[in-house]
Amino acid sequence: MARVKSRAPASFAAQVNDTDKRLNILFDHLNNETLIQPDTIEQLVQLSQAVQGRDLDNAAAISTEMMKTKLESEGGNWMVSLLIFAL
């Protein structure tokens, strides 16, 4: 996020800060082993691999599936931040 913050136009500061906050919520859940289920963690790994490999179609498909199946139960506070990186 530091690289994104340093390169994003000032007009996007609110969105960048919100994304940073939401990603930190995700990292807190992962570090504390709360709320996030093992299958969700596997999907997050797949999503990160797709993004890293620049397979944007697959990344979009994974994030869409997660939004449909996990948003209410696990991802209400952090999942929106994934869309920024996956789409």
PDB file of N, CA and C in Angstrom:
ATOM      1  N   MET A   1       0.821  -1.191   0.000  1.00  0.00           N
ATOM      2  CA  MET A   1       0.000   0.000   0.000  1.00  0.00           C
ATOM      3  C   MET A   1       0.863   1.252   0.000  1.00  0.00           C
ATOM      4  N   ALA A   2       2.049   1.177   0.540  1.00  0.00           N
ATOM      5  CA  ALA A   2       2.915   2.356   0.555  1.00  0.00           C
ATOM      6  C   ALA A   2       3.190   2.837  -0.866  1.00  0.00           C
ATOM      7  N   ARG A   3       3.421   1.895  -1.783  1.00  0.00           N
ATOM      8  CA  ARG A   3       3.683   2.265  -3.174  1.00  0.00           C
ATOM      9  C   ARG A   3       2.440   2.883  -3.804  1.00  0.00           C
ATOM     10  N   VAL A   4       1.283   2.316  -3.526  1.00  0.00           N
ATOM     11  CA  VAL A   4       0.037   2.874  -4.057  1.00  0.00           C
ATOM     12  C   VAL A   4      -0.183   4.273  -3.500  1.00  0.00           C
ATOM     13  N   LYS A   5       0.005   4.430  -2.191  1.00  0.00           N
ATOM     14  CA  LYS A   5      -0.190   5.751  -1.575  1.00  0.00           C
ATOM     15  C   LYS A   5       0.729   6.797  -2.183  1.00  0.00           C
ATOM     16  N   SER A   6       1.968   6.413  -2.452  1.00  0.00           N
ATOM     17  CA  SER A   6       2.921   7.392  -2.979  1.00  0.00           C
ATOM     18  C   SER A   6       2.646   7.755  -4.435  1.00  0.00           C
ATOM     19  N   ARG A   7       1.950   6.892  -5.163  1.00  0.00           N
ATOM     20  CA  ARG A   7       1.716   7.128  -6.590  1.00  0.00           C
ATOM     21  C   ARG A   7       0.304   7.590  -6.924  1.00  0.00           C
ATOM     22  N   ALA A   8      -0.615   7.414  -6.018  1.00  0.00           N
ATOM     23  CA  ALA A   8      -2.009   7.786  -6.293  1.00  0.00           C
ATOM     24  C   ALA A   8      -2.154   9.304  -6.277  1.00  0.00           C
ATOM     25  N   PRO A   9      -2.960   9.831  -7.188  1.00  0.00           N
ATOM     26  CA  PRO A   9      -3.227  11.275  -7.167  1.00  0.00           C
ATOM     27  C   PRO A   9      -3.909  11.676  -5.860  1.00  0.00           C
ATOM     28  N   ALA A  10      -3.672  12.893  -5.446  1.00  0.00           N
ATOM     29  CA  ALA A  10      -4.251  13.395  -4.198  1.00  0.00           C
ATOM     30  C   ALA A  10      -5.770  13.287  -4.196  1.00  0.00           C
ATOM     31  N   SER A  11      -6.376  13.369  -5.351  1.00  0.00           N
ATOM     32  CA  SER A  11      -7.840  13.292  -5.425  1.00  0.00           C
ATOM     33  C   SER A  11      -8.370  11.905  -5.057  1.00  0.00           C
ATOM     34  N   PHE A  12      -7.493  10.899  -5.009  1.00  0.00           N
ATOM     35  CA  PHE A  12      -7.886   9.545  -4.633  1.00  0.00           C
ATOM     36  C   PHE A  12      -7.471   9.185  -3.208  1.00  0.00           C
ATOM     37  N   ALA A  13      -7.037  10.153  -2.441  1.00  0.00           N
ATOM     38  CA  ALA A  13      -6.536   9.884  -1.087  1.00  0.00           C
ATOM     39  C   ALA A  13      -7.578   9.186  -0.216  1.00  0.00           C
ATOM     40  N   ALA A  14      -8.818   9.598  -0.290  1.00  0.00           N
ATOM     41  CA  ALA A  14      -9.861   8.984   0.545  1.00  0.00           C
ATOM     42  C   ALA A  14     -10.047   7.506   0.193  1.00  0.00           C
ATOM     43  N   GLN A  15     -10.057   7.181  -1.083  1.00  0.00           N
ATOM     44  CA  GLN A  15     -10.223   5.789  -1.505  1.00  0.00           C
ATOM     45  C   GLN A  15      -9.013   4.940  -1.115  1.00  0.00           C
ATOM     46  N   VAL A  16      -7.825   5.494  -1.275  1.00  0.00           N
ATOM     47  CA  VAL A  16      -6.605   4.773  -0.910  1.00  0.00           C
ATOM     48  C   VAL A  16      -6.577   4.507   0.589  1.00  0.00           C
ATOM     49  N   ASN A  17      -6.916   5.503   1.380  1.00  0.00           N
ATOM     50  CA  ASN A  17      -6.931   5.329   2.834  1.00  0.00           C
ATOM     51  C   ASN A  17      -7.985   4.319   3.273  1.00  0.00           C
ATOM     52  N   ASP A  18      -9.139   4.341   2.619  1.00  0.00           N
ATOM     53  CA  ASP A  18     -10.185   3.375   2.940  1.00  0.00           C
ATOM     54  C   ASP A  18      -9.738   1.960   2.593  1.00  0.00           C
ATOM     55  N   THR A  19      -9.097   1.793   1.454  1.00  0.00           N
ATOM     56  CA  THR A  19      -8.588   0.478   1.058  1.00  0.00           C
ATOM     57  C   THR A  19      -7.546  -0.010   2.047  1.00  0.00           C
ATOM     58  N   ASP A  20      -6.649   0.867   2.456  1.00  0.00           N
ATOM     59  CA  ASP A  20      -5.624   0.505   3.433  1.00  0.00           C
ATOM     60  C   ASP A  20      -6.268   0.045   4.739  1.00  0.00           C
ATOM     61  N   LYS A  21      -7.276   0.765   5.192  1.00  0.00           N
ATOM     62  CA  LYS A  21      -7.975   0.396   6.427  1.00  0.00           C
ATOM     63  C   LYS A  21      -8.625  -0.977   6.297  1.00  0.00           C
ATOM     64  N   ARG A  22      -9.282  -1.227   5.176  1.00  0.00           N
ATOM     65  CA  ARG A  22      -9.965  -2.508   4.972  1.00  0.00           C
ATOM     66  C   ARG A  22      -8.980  -3.671   4.847  1.00  0.00           C
ATOM     67  N   LEU A  23      -7.866  -3.444   4.179  1.00  0.00           N
ATOM     68  CA  LEU A  23      -6.848  -4.498   4.101  1.00  0.00           C
ATOM     69  C   LEU A  23      -6.280  -4.815   5.478  1.00  0.00           C
ATOM     70  N   ASN A  24      -6.110  -3.799   6.310  1.00  0.00           N
ATOM     71  CA  ASN A  24      -5.630  -4.041   7.673  1.00  0.00           C
ATOM     72  C   ASN A  24      -6.627  -4.856   8.486  1.00  0.00           C
ATOM     73  N   ILE A  25      -7.919  -4.664   8.245  1.00  0.00           N
ATOM     74  CA  ILE A  25      -8.933  -5.489   8.901  1.00  0.00           C
ATOM     75  C   ILE A  25      -8.754  -6.943   8.481  1.00  0.00           C
ATOM     76  N   LEU A  26      -8.559  -7.167   7.176  1.00  0.00           N
ATOM     77  CA  LEU A  26      -8.321  -8.524   6.679  1.00  0.00           C
ATOM     78  C   LEU A  26      -7.084  -9.124   7.344  1.00  0.00           C
ATOM     79  N   PHE A  27      -5.984  -8.381   7.356  1.00  0.00           N
ATOM     80  CA  PHE A  27      -4.739  -8.892   7.948  1.00  0.00           C
ATOM     81  C   PHE A  27      -4.914  -9.188   9.434  1.00  0.00           C
ATOM     82  N   ASP A  28      -5.672  -8.376  10.139  1.00  0.00           N
ATOM     83  CA  ASP A  28      -5.942  -8.643  11.559  1.00  0.00           C
ATOM     84  C   ASP A  28      -6.679  -9.971  11.727  1.00  0.00           C
ATOM     85  N   HIS A  29      -7.692 -10.204  10.884  1.00  0.00           N
ATOM     86  CA  HIS A  29      -8.422 -11.477  10.952  1.00  0.00           C
ATOM     87  C   HIS A  29      -7.506 -12.655  10.644  1.00  0.00           C
ATOM     88  N   LEU A  30      -6.658 -12.500   9.636  1.00  0.00           N
ATOM     89  CA  LEU A  30      -5.742 -13.585   9.280  1.00  0.00           C
ATOM     90  C   LEU A  30      -4.725 -13.838  10.396  1.00  0.00           C
ATOM     91  N   ASN A  31      -4.149 -12.779  10.937  1.00  0.00           N
ATOM     92  CA  ASN A  31      -3.140 -12.928  11.991  1.00  0.00           C
ATOM     93  C   ASN A  31      -3.718 -13.496  13.281  1.00  0.00           C
ATOM     94  N   ASN A  32      -4.958 -13.132  13.584  1.00  0.00           N
ATOM     95  CA  ASN A  32      -5.587 -13.585  14.821  1.00  0.00           C
ATOM     96  C   ASN A  32      -6.396 -14.867  14.638  1.00  0.00           C
ATOM     97  N   GLU A  33      -6.429 -15.356  13.398  1.00  0.00           N
ATOM     98  CA  GLU A  33      -7.184 -16.566  13.068  1.00  0.00           C
ATOM     99  C   GLU A  33      -8.635 -16.473  13.515  1.00  0.00           C
ATOM    100  N   THR A  34      -9.255 -15.351  13.196  1.00  0.00           N
ATOM    101  CA  THR A  34     -10.658 -15.122  13.522  1.00  0.00           C
ATOM    102  C   THR A  34     -11.447 -14.868  12.243  1.00  0.00           C
ATOM    103  N   LEU A  35     -12.662 -15.309  12.223  1.00  0.00           N
ATOM    104  CA  LEU A  35     -13.655 -15.050  11.186  1.00  0.00           C
ATOM    105  C   LEU A  35     -13.362 -15.713   9.845  1.00  0.00           C
ATOM    106  N   ILE A  36     -12.146 -15.671   9.356  1.00  0.00           N
ATOM    107  CA  ILE A  36     -11.815 -16.167   8.029  1.00  0.00           C
ATOM    108  C   ILE A  36     -11.681 -17.684   8.056  1.00  0.00           C
ATOM    109  N   GLN A  37     -12.461 -18.357   7.220  1.00  0.00           N
ATOM    110  CA  GLN A  37     -12.468 -19.815   7.153  1.00  0.00           C
ATOM    111  C   GLN A  37     -11.336 -20.322   6.250  1.00  0.00           C
ATOM    112  N   PRO A  38     -10.899 -21.570   6.443  1.00  0.00           N
ATOM    113  CA  PRO A  38      -9.807 -22.122   5.628  1.00  0.00           C
ATOM    114  C   PRO A  38     -10.065 -22.070   4.121  1.00  0.00           C
ATOM    115  N   ASP A  39     -11.300 -22.309   3.691  1.00  0.00           N
ATOM    116  CA  ASP A  39     -11.565 -22.252   2.251  1.00  0.00           C
ATOM    117  C   ASP A  39     -11.469 -20.823   1.717  1.00  0.00           C
ATOM    118  N   THR A  40     -11.771 -19.856   2.552  1.00  0.00           N
ATOM    119  CA  THR A  40     -11.629 -18.452   2.158  1.00  0.00           C
ATOM    120  C   THR A  40     -10.161 -18.090   2.033  1.00  0.00           C
ATOM    121  N   ILE A  41      -9.364 -18.601   2.947  1.00  0.00           N
ATOM    122  CA  ILE A  41      -7.922 -18.355   2.869  1.00  0.00           C
ATOM    123  C   ILE A  41      -7.369 -18.935   1.574  1.00  0.00           C
ATOM    124  N   GLU A  42      -7.827 -20.122   1.203  1.00  0.00           N
ATOM    125  CA  GLU A  42      -7.379 -20.729  -0.058  1.00  0.00           C
ATOM    126  C   GLU A  42      -7.790 -19.866  -1.244  1.00  0.00           C
ATOM    127  N   GLN A  43      -8.988 -19.321  -1.213  1.00  0.00           N
ATOM    128  CA  GLN A  43      -9.422 -18.435  -2.297  1.00  0.00           C
ATOM    129  C   GLN A  43      -8.573 -17.170  -2.331  1.00  0.00           C
ATOM    130  N   LEU A  44      -8.206 -16.648  -1.172  1.00  0.00           N
ATOM    131  CA  LEU A  44      -7.347 -15.468  -1.121  1.00  0.00           C
ATOM    132  C   LEU A  44      -5.973 -15.768  -1.720  1.00  0.00           C
ATOM    133  N   VAL A  45      -5.456 -16.961  -1.449  1.00  0.00           N
ATOM    134  CA  VAL A  45      -4.178 -17.367  -2.037  1.00  0.00           C
ATOM    135  C   VAL A  45      -4.312 -17.437  -3.553  1.00  0.00           C
ATOM    136  N   GLN A  46      -5.366 -18.066  -4.026  1.00  0.00           N
ATOM    137  CA  GLN A  46      -5.592 -18.170  -5.471  1.00  0.00           C
ATOM    138  C   GLN A  46      -5.736 -16.786  -6.099  1.00  0.00           C
ATOM    139  N   LEU A  47      -6.452 -15.903  -5.415  1.00  0.00           N
ATOM    140  CA  LEU A  47      -6.634 -14.548  -5.917  1.00  0.00           C
ATOM    141  C   LEU A  47      -5.299 -13.814  -6.001  1.00  0.00           C
ATOM    142  N   SER A  48      -4.506 -13.922  -4.959  1.00  0.00           N
ATOM    143  CA  SER A  48      -3.214 -13.228  -4.970  1.00  0.00           C
ATOM    144  C   SER A  48      -2.298 -13.792  -6.050  1.00  0.00           C
ATOM    145  N   GLN A  49      -2.345 -15.093  -6.272  1.00  0.00           N
ATOM    146  CA  GLN A  49      -1.534 -15.696  -7.332  1.00  0.00           C
ATOM    147  C   GLN A  49      -2.003 -15.234  -8.709  1.00  0.00           C
ATOM    148  N   ALA A  50      -3.302 -15.124  -8.889  1.00  0.00           N
ATOM    149  CA  ALA A  50      -3.835 -14.651 -10.163  1.00  0.00           C
ATOM    150  C   ALA A  50      -3.431 -13.196 -10.419  1.00  0.00           C
ATOM    151  N   VAL A  51      -3.519 -12.367  -9.403  1.00  0.00           N
ATOM    152  CA  VAL A  51      -3.122 -10.964  -9.551  1.00  0.00           C
ATOM    153  C   VAL A  51      -1.629 -10.876  -9.842  1.00  0.00           C
ATOM    154  N   GLN A  52      -0.839 -11.610  -9.085  1.00  0.00           N
ATOM    155  CA  GLN A  52       0.609 -11.589  -9.283  1.00  0.00           C
ATOM    156  C   GLN A  52       0.977 -12.074 -10.684  1.00  0.00           C
ATOM    157  N   GLY A  53       0.271 -13.063 -11.178  1.00  0.00           N
ATOM    158  CA  GLY A  53       0.512 -13.583 -12.515  1.00  0.00           C
ATOM    159  C   GLY A  53      -0.169 -12.786 -13.618  1.00  0.00           C
ATOM    160  N   ARG A  54      -0.806 -11.707 -13.241  1.00  0.00           N
ATOM    161  CA  ARG A  54      -1.528 -10.826 -14.171  1.00  0.00           C
ATOM    162  C   ARG A  54      -2.634 -11.560 -14.933  1.00  0.00           C
ATOM    163  N   ASP A  55      -3.193 -12.584 -14.292  1.00  0.00           N
ATOM    164  CA  ASP A  55      -4.333 -13.316 -14.857  1.00  0.00           C
ATOM    165  C   ASP A  55      -5.600 -12.631 -14.355  1.00  0.00           C
ATOM    166  N   LEU A  56      -5.897 -11.501 -14.958  1.00  0.00           N
ATOM    167  CA  LEU A  56      -6.972 -10.650 -14.450  1.00  0.00           C
ATOM    168  C   LEU A  56      -8.353 -11.262 -14.620  1.00  0.00           C
ATOM    169  N   ASP A  57      -8.546 -12.062 -15.651  1.00  0.00           N
ATOM    170  CA  ASP A  57      -9.845 -12.721 -15.822  1.00  0.00           C
ATOM    171  C   ASP A  57     -10.104 -13.683 -14.660  1.00  0.00           C
ATOM    172  N   ASN A  58      -9.094 -14.460 -14.315  1.00  0.00           N
ATOM    173  CA  ASN A  58      -9.231 -15.404 -13.199  1.00  0.00           C
ATOM    174  C   ASN A  58      -9.385 -14.651 -11.877  1.00  0.00           C
ATOM    175  N   ALA A  59      -8.610 -13.577 -11.699  1.00  0.00           N
ATOM    176  CA  ALA A  59      -8.713 -12.778 -10.476  1.00  0.00           C
ATOM    177  C   ALA A  59     -10.119 -12.201 -10.328  1.00  0.00           C
ATOM    178  N   ALA A  60     -10.661 -11.706 -11.409  1.00  0.00           N
ATOM    179  CA  ALA A  60     -12.022 -11.157 -11.371  1.00  0.00           C
ATOM    180  C   ALA A  60     -13.037 -12.245 -11.051  1.00  0.00           C
ATOM    181  N   ALA A  61     -12.855 -13.432 -11.624  1.00  0.00           N
ATOM    182  CA  ALA A  61     -13.782 -14.539 -11.366  1.00  0.00           C
ATOM    183  C   ALA A  61     -13.724 -14.966  -9.901  1.00  0.00           C
ATOM    184  N   ILE A  62     -12.526 -15.056  -9.353  1.00  0.00           N
ATOM    185  CA  ILE A  62     -12.377 -15.452  -7.939  1.00  0.00           C
ATOM    186  C   ILE A  62     -12.988 -14.404  -7.029  1.00  0.00           C
ATOM    187  N   SER A  63     -12.687 -13.141  -7.282  1.00  0.00           N
ATOM    188  CA  SER A  63     -13.226 -12.092  -6.410  1.00  0.00           C
ATOM    189  C   SER A  63     -14.743 -12.012  -6.516  1.00  0.00           C
ATOM    190  N   THR A  64     -15.290 -12.215  -7.712  1.00  0.00           N
ATOM    191  CA  THR A  64     -16.747 -12.211  -7.879  1.00  0.00           C
ATOM    192  C   THR A  64     -17.375 -13.355  -7.101  1.00  0.00           C
ATOM    193  N   GLU A  65     -16.779 -14.532  -7.200  1.00  0.00           N
ATOM    194  CA  GLU A  65     -17.286 -15.689  -6.451  1.00  0.00           C
ATOM    195  C   GLU A  65     -17.228 -15.425  -4.947  1.00  0.00           C
ATOM    196  N   MET A  66     -16.145 -14.837  -4.487  1.00  0.00           N
ATOM    197  CA  MET A  66     -16.030 -14.534  -3.059  1.00  0.00           C
ATOM    198  C   MET A  66     -17.087 -13.524  -2.626  1.00  0.00           C
ATOM    199  N   MET A  67     -17.333 -12.530  -3.461  1.00  0.00           N
ATOM    200  CA  MET A  67     -18.352 -11.531  -3.126  1.00  0.00           C
ATOM    201  C   MET A  67     -19.734 -12.178  -3.015  1.00  0.00           C
ATOM    202  N   LYS A  68     -20.003 -13.134  -3.891  1.00  0.00           N
ATOM    203  CA  LYS A  68     -21.307 -13.800  -3.884  1.00  0.00           C
ATOM    204  C   LYS A  68     -21.476 -14.720  -2.678  1.00  0.00           C
ATOM    205  N   THR A  69     -20.405 -15.407  -2.289  1.00  0.00           N
ATOM    206  CA  THR A  69     -20.551 -16.462  -1.282  1.00  0.00           C
ATOM    207  C   THR A  69     -20.022 -16.108   0.103  1.00  0.00           C
ATOM    208  N   LYS A  70     -19.159 -15.110   0.211  1.00  0.00           N
ATOM    209  CA  LYS A  70     -18.489 -14.845   1.487  1.00  0.00           C
ATOM    210  C   LYS A  70     -18.767 -13.472   2.083  1.00  0.00           C
ATOM    211  N   LEU A  71     -19.324 -12.570   1.305  1.00  0.00           N
ATOM    212  CA  LEU A  71     -19.454 -11.181   1.753  1.00  0.00           C
ATOM    213  C   LEU A  71     -20.184 -11.053   3.083  1.00  0.00           C
ATOM    214  N   GLU A  72     -21.347 -11.645   3.181  1.00  0.00           N
ATOM    215  CA  GLU A  72     -22.143 -11.486   4.400  1.00  0.00           C
ATOM    216  C   GLU A  72     -21.555 -12.224   5.590  1.00  0.00           C
ATOM    217  N   SER A  73     -21.014 -13.400   5.362  1.00  0.00           N
ATOM    218  CA  SER A  73     -20.557 -14.215   6.487  1.00  0.00           C
ATOM    219  C   SER A  73     -19.149 -13.877   6.966  1.00  0.00           C
ATOM    220  N   GLU A  74     -18.279 -13.459   6.056  1.00  0.00           N
ATOM    221  CA  GLU A  74     -16.885 -13.270   6.450  1.00  0.00           C
ATOM    222  C   GLU A  74     -16.275 -11.936   6.031  1.00  0.00           C
ATOM    223  N   GLY A  75     -16.764 -11.344   4.958  1.00  0.00           N
ATOM    224  CA  GLY A  75     -16.008 -10.261   4.365  1.00  0.00           C
ATOM    225  C   GLY A  75     -16.613  -8.891   4.344  1.00  0.00           C
ATOM    226  N   GLY A  76     -17.605  -8.634   5.162  1.00  0.00           N
ATOM    227  CA  GLY A  76     -18.290  -7.350   5.106  1.00  0.00           C
ATOM    228  C   GLY A  76     -17.407  -6.134   5.249  1.00  0.00           C
ATOM    229  N   ASN A  77     -16.372  -6.209   6.071  1.00  0.00           N
ATOM    230  CA  ASN A  77     -15.536  -5.038   6.327  1.00  0.00           C
ATOM    231  C   ASN A  77     -14.289  -4.948   5.468  1.00  0.00           C
ATOM    232  N   TRP A  78     -13.872  -6.035   4.891  1.00  0.00           N
ATOM    233  CA  TRP A  78     -12.599  -6.008   4.168  1.00  0.00           C
ATOM    234  C   TRP A  78     -12.683  -6.392   2.705  1.00  0.00           C
ATOM    235  N   MET A  79     -13.725  -7.084   2.299  1.00  0.00           N
ATOM    236  CA  MET A  79     -13.749  -7.665   0.965  1.00  0.00           C
ATOM    237  C   MET A  79     -13.763  -6.630  -0.151  1.00  0.00           C
ATOM    238  N   VAL A  80     -14.341  -5.498   0.065  1.00  0.00           N
ATOM    239  CA  VAL A  80     -14.385  -4.473  -0.979  1.00  0.00           C
ATOM    240  C   VAL A  80     -12.978  -4.082  -1.417  1.00  0.00           C
ATOM    241  N   SER A  81     -12.023  -4.116  -0.499  1.00  0.00           N
ATOM    242  CA  SER A  81     -10.643  -3.745  -0.853  1.00  0.00           C
ATOM    243  C   SER A  81     -10.044  -4.699  -1.865  1.00  0.00           C
ATOM    244  N   LEU A  82     -10.495  -5.929  -1.922  1.00  0.00           N
ATOM    245  CA  LEU A  82      -9.958  -6.893  -2.885  1.00  0.00           C
ATOM    246  C   LEU A  82     -10.293  -6.511  -4.318  1.00  0.00           C
ATOM    247  N   LEU A  83     -11.436  -5.904  -4.505  1.00  0.00           N
ATOM    248  CA  LEU A  83     -11.848  -5.555  -5.848  1.00  0.00           C
ATOM    249  C   LEU A  83     -10.895  -4.567  -6.502  1.00  0.00           C
ATOM    250  N   ILE A  84     -10.320  -3.703  -5.712  1.00  0.00           N
ATOM    251  CA  ILE A  84      -9.396  -2.718  -6.249  1.00  0.00           C
ATOM    252  C   ILE A  84      -8.187  -3.400  -6.878  1.00  0.00           C
ATOM    253  N   PHE A  85      -7.728  -4.478  -6.251  1.00  0.00           N
ATOM    254  CA  PHE A  85      -6.555  -5.156  -6.772  1.00  0.00           C
ATOM    255  C   PHE A  85      -6.902  -6.203  -7.810  1.00  0.00           C
ATOM    256  N   ALA A  86      -8.105  -6.742  -7.762  1.00  0.00           N
ATOM    257  CA  ALA A  86      -8.456  -7.833  -8.662  1.00  0.00           C
ATOM    258  C   ALA A  86      -9.036  -7.342  -9.989  1.00  0.00           C
ATOM    259  N   LEU A  87      -9.612  -6.169  -9.994  1.00  0.00           N
ATOM    260  CA  LEU A  87     -10.260  -5.712 -11.236  1.00  0.00           C
ATOM    261  C   LEU A  87      -9.474  -4.668 -11.953  1.00  0.00           C
TER     262      LEU A  87
END
